[in-house]
Amino acid sequence: MRVMKKKILITYASKHGGTREISERISEQFPPGQFDITLQPVESATSPGDFDAVILGVALYMGQWRRKAVKFLKSHNQVLKDRDTWIFLSGPTGEGDPDTMLEGRKIPSKLNPLIEKVRPNEVKTFHGALFPDRIGGFEKWIIKKVDAPVGDFRIWEDINTWGKSVAAKLQ
């Protein structure tokens, strides 16, 4: 008897590559041979209707979700509500609890109706990374103006643990 592998779409809205790197790491937490993983940027993602589950990675910039991720959720909300869907946010830099650092802005209020339609299993927040060599002059100016912490604040152990927990729930 042939067992069908669950098809998982891991898609991400990343501006400078940090959220893509988290998505890649999450994809590595699924046991080999047990899942059919598709990893794609959100702007070229295959229809989520072709998958059993979806993980969406969203880069946060100044507390806002990347527009491409919001567009993906709006375009596919009817399909996603009938799928196991997880969302992770990558954004706050610095030390401390990433949810606390967002000061209640984890899900911007204007997105609440959309999130209620999609009904994700979880919206998880991870620390992000901010590398001056990956950003342009205007962004460097903003970072200096707001005194944003620069560097890689991602906690890979937390990312690995979360990815494994999602895989376990899908087995």
Protein backbone atom coordinates (compact mmCIF):
# COMPACT_ATOMS: atom_id res chain seq x y z
CA MET A 1 0.00 0.00 0.00
CA ARG A 2 1.41 3.36 -1.04
CA VAL A 3 1.12 6.17 1.51
CA MET A 4 0.50 9.62 0.11
CA LYS A 5 2.84 12.29 1.42
CA LYS A 6 1.17 15.43 2.72
CA LYS A 7 1.85 18.38 0.47
CA ILE A 8 3.07 21.43 2.36
CA LEU A 9 3.48 24.93 0.91
CA ILE A 10 5.97 27.12 2.74
CA THR A 11 5.75 30.58 1.26
CA TYR A 12 7.24 33.84 2.43
CA ALA A 13 7.19 37.59 1.94
CA SER A 14 10.77 38.69 2.52
CA LYS A 15 12.38 41.96 1.56
CA HIS A 16 16.04 41.39 2.37
CA GLY A 17 16.22 37.60 2.76
CA GLY A 18 15.83 37.11 6.52
CA THR A 19 12.30 35.70 6.35
CA ARG A 20 13.30 33.51 3.41
CA GLU A 21 16.13 32.08 5.53
CA ILE A 22 13.68 31.31 8.37
CA SER A 23 11.35 29.60 5.86
CA GLU A 24 14.23 27.49 4.58
CA ARG A 25 15.12 26.48 8.14
CA ILE A 26 11.50 25.54 8.89
CA SER A 27 11.37 23.39 5.75
CA GLU A 28 14.41 21.47 7.05
CA GLN A 29 12.51 20.48 10.21
CA PHE A 30 10.08 18.21 8.35
CA PRO A 31 11.18 14.56 8.42
CA PRO A 32 12.67 13.58 5.03
CA GLY A 33 10.48 11.35 2.88
CA GLN A 34 7.32 12.00 4.89
CA PHE A 35 6.23 15.27 3.31
CA ASP A 36 6.28 16.88 -0.11
CA ILE A 37 7.56 20.40 0.67
CA THR A 38 7.28 23.31 -1.76
CA LEU A 39 9.22 26.43 -0.75
CA GLN A 40 8.38 29.58 -2.75
CA PRO A 41 8.33 33.36 -2.44
CA VAL A 42 4.74 34.53 -1.93
CA GLU A 43 4.64 36.54 -5.16
CA SER A 44 5.17 33.38 -7.24
CA ALA A 45 3.56 30.84 -4.90
CA THR A 46 1.53 28.00 -6.33
CA SER A 47 -2.17 28.00 -5.44
CA PRO A 48 -2.62 26.87 -1.83
CA GLY A 49 -5.53 24.75 -3.03
CA ASP A 50 -2.96 22.23 -4.28
CA PHE A 51 -1.65 21.64 -0.73
CA ASP A 52 -2.75 20.00 2.51
CA ALA A 53 -1.18 22.71 4.66
CA VAL A 54 0.34 26.18 4.27
CA ILE A 55 2.98 28.03 6.27
CA LEU A 56 3.23 31.73 5.47
CA GLY A 57 6.25 33.75 6.58
CA VAL A 58 5.76 37.50 6.84
CA ALA A 59 8.53 40.04 7.28
CA LEU A 60 7.55 42.97 9.47
CA TYR A 61 8.75 46.48 8.66
CA MET A 62 8.01 49.19 11.18
CA GLY A 63 5.21 47.03 12.58
CA GLN A 64 3.56 46.48 9.20
CA TRP A 65 3.11 43.20 7.36
CA ARG A 66 4.63 42.96 3.88
CA ARG A 67 1.94 43.86 1.33
CA LYS A 68 2.66 40.78 -0.75
CA ALA A 69 1.74 38.55 2.21
CA VAL A 70 -1.49 40.47 2.81
CA LYS A 71 -2.36 40.18 -0.88
CA PHE A 72 -1.73 36.41 -0.73
CA LEU A 73 -4.05 36.08 2.30
CA LYS A 74 -6.75 38.20 0.64
CA SER A 75 -6.53 36.30 -2.65
CA HIS A 76 -6.65 32.87 -1.04
CA ASN A 77 -8.61 33.33 2.19
CA GLN A 78 -11.42 30.99 1.10
CA VAL A 79 -8.96 28.17 0.39
CA LEU A 80 -6.77 28.83 3.43
CA LYS A 81 -9.68 28.65 5.87
CA ASP A 82 -10.13 25.01 4.81
CA ARG A 83 -6.42 24.16 5.17
CA ASP A 84 -4.11 23.77 8.11
CA THR A 85 -2.46 27.18 7.99
CA TRP A 86 0.29 28.65 10.11
CA ILE A 87 1.70 32.16 9.92
CA PHE A 88 5.01 33.30 11.30
CA LEU A 89 6.23 36.85 11.62
CA SER A 90 9.86 37.87 11.39
CA GLY A 91 10.67 41.31 12.55
CA PRO A 92 11.54 42.68 15.91
CA THR A 93 15.24 43.13 16.41
CA GLY A 94 16.88 43.47 19.78
CA GLU A 95 16.59 41.57 23.03
CA GLY A 96 13.38 40.48 24.74
CA ASP A 97 10.15 38.69 23.97
CA PRO A 98 9.27 39.42 20.32
CA ASP A 99 5.50 39.58 20.97
CA THR A 100 6.01 42.06 23.80
CA MET A 101 8.31 44.12 21.58
CA LEU A 102 5.47 44.51 19.07
CA GLU A 103 3.43 46.28 21.76
CA GLY A 104 0.13 44.72 20.76
CA ARG A 105 0.70 45.21 17.02
CA LYS A 106 1.33 41.55 16.17
CA ILE A 107 -1.70 41.63 13.91
CA PRO A 108 -2.48 45.17 12.74
CA SER A 109 -6.13 45.93 13.54
CA LYS A 110 -7.02 46.38 9.86
CA LEU A 111 -5.96 42.74 9.27
CA ASN A 112 -8.09 41.24 12.06
CA PRO A 113 -11.11 40.51 9.79
CA LEU A 114 -8.83 38.77 7.29
CA ILE A 115 -7.11 36.68 9.98
CA GLU A 116 -10.52 35.74 11.36
CA LYS A 117 -11.50 34.46 7.89
CA VAL A 118 -8.30 32.44 7.40
CA ARG A 119 -8.32 31.07 10.98
CA PRO A 120 -4.63 30.09 11.15
CA ASN A 121 -3.65 27.44 13.67
CA GLU A 122 -1.11 29.90 15.05
CA VAL A 123 0.52 33.26 14.36
CA LYS A 124 4.05 32.91 15.74
CA THR A 125 6.55 35.76 16.12
CA PHE A 126 10.30 35.31 15.74
CA HIS A 127 13.05 37.84 16.17
CA GLY A 128 14.31 39.14 12.86
CA ALA A 129 17.59 40.27 11.40
CA LEU A 130 18.66 43.68 10.20
CA PHE A 131 21.83 43.77 8.16
CA PRO A 132 23.06 47.21 7.00
CA ASP A 133 24.74 45.65 3.94
CA ARG A 134 21.34 44.38 2.69
CA ILE A 135 19.43 47.66 2.85
CA GLY A 136 19.38 50.92 0.94
CA GLY A 137 20.24 54.46 1.96
CA PHE A 138 16.73 55.54 2.95
CA GLU A 139 16.30 52.47 5.17
CA LYS A 140 19.69 53.11 6.77
CA TRP A 141 18.57 56.66 7.52
CA ILE A 142 15.32 55.41 9.12
CA ILE A 143 17.18 52.84 11.20
CA LYS A 144 19.56 55.49 12.46
CA LYS A 145 16.68 57.89 13.17
CA VAL A 146 14.72 55.35 15.25
CA ASP A 147 17.86 53.78 16.71
CA ALA A 148 16.79 50.28 15.66
CA PRO A 149 19.03 47.43 16.83
CA VAL A 150 21.15 46.10 13.96
CA GLY A 151 22.28 42.48 13.62
CA ASP A 152 20.91 38.97 13.55
CA PHE A 153 18.55 38.42 16.48
CA ARG A 154 16.92 35.24 15.15
CA ILE A 155 16.96 32.40 17.68
CA TRP A 156 17.45 29.38 15.46
CA GLU A 157 16.69 26.90 18.24
CA ASP A 158 13.21 28.45 18.65
CA ILE A 159 12.67 28.34 14.89
CA ASN A 160 13.76 24.68 14.72
CA THR A 161 11.49 23.73 17.63
CA TRP A 162 8.50 25.48 16.08
CA GLY A 163 9.10 23.88 12.67
CA LYS A 164 9.31 20.43 14.26
CA SER A 165 6.10 21.07 16.22
CA VAL A 166 4.22 22.02 13.04
CA ALA A 167 5.56 18.90 11.29
CA ALA A 168 4.48 16.73 14.23
CA LYS A 169 0.95 18.17 14.12
CA LEU A 170 0.74 17.31 10.43
CA GLN A 171 1.89 13.70 10.79
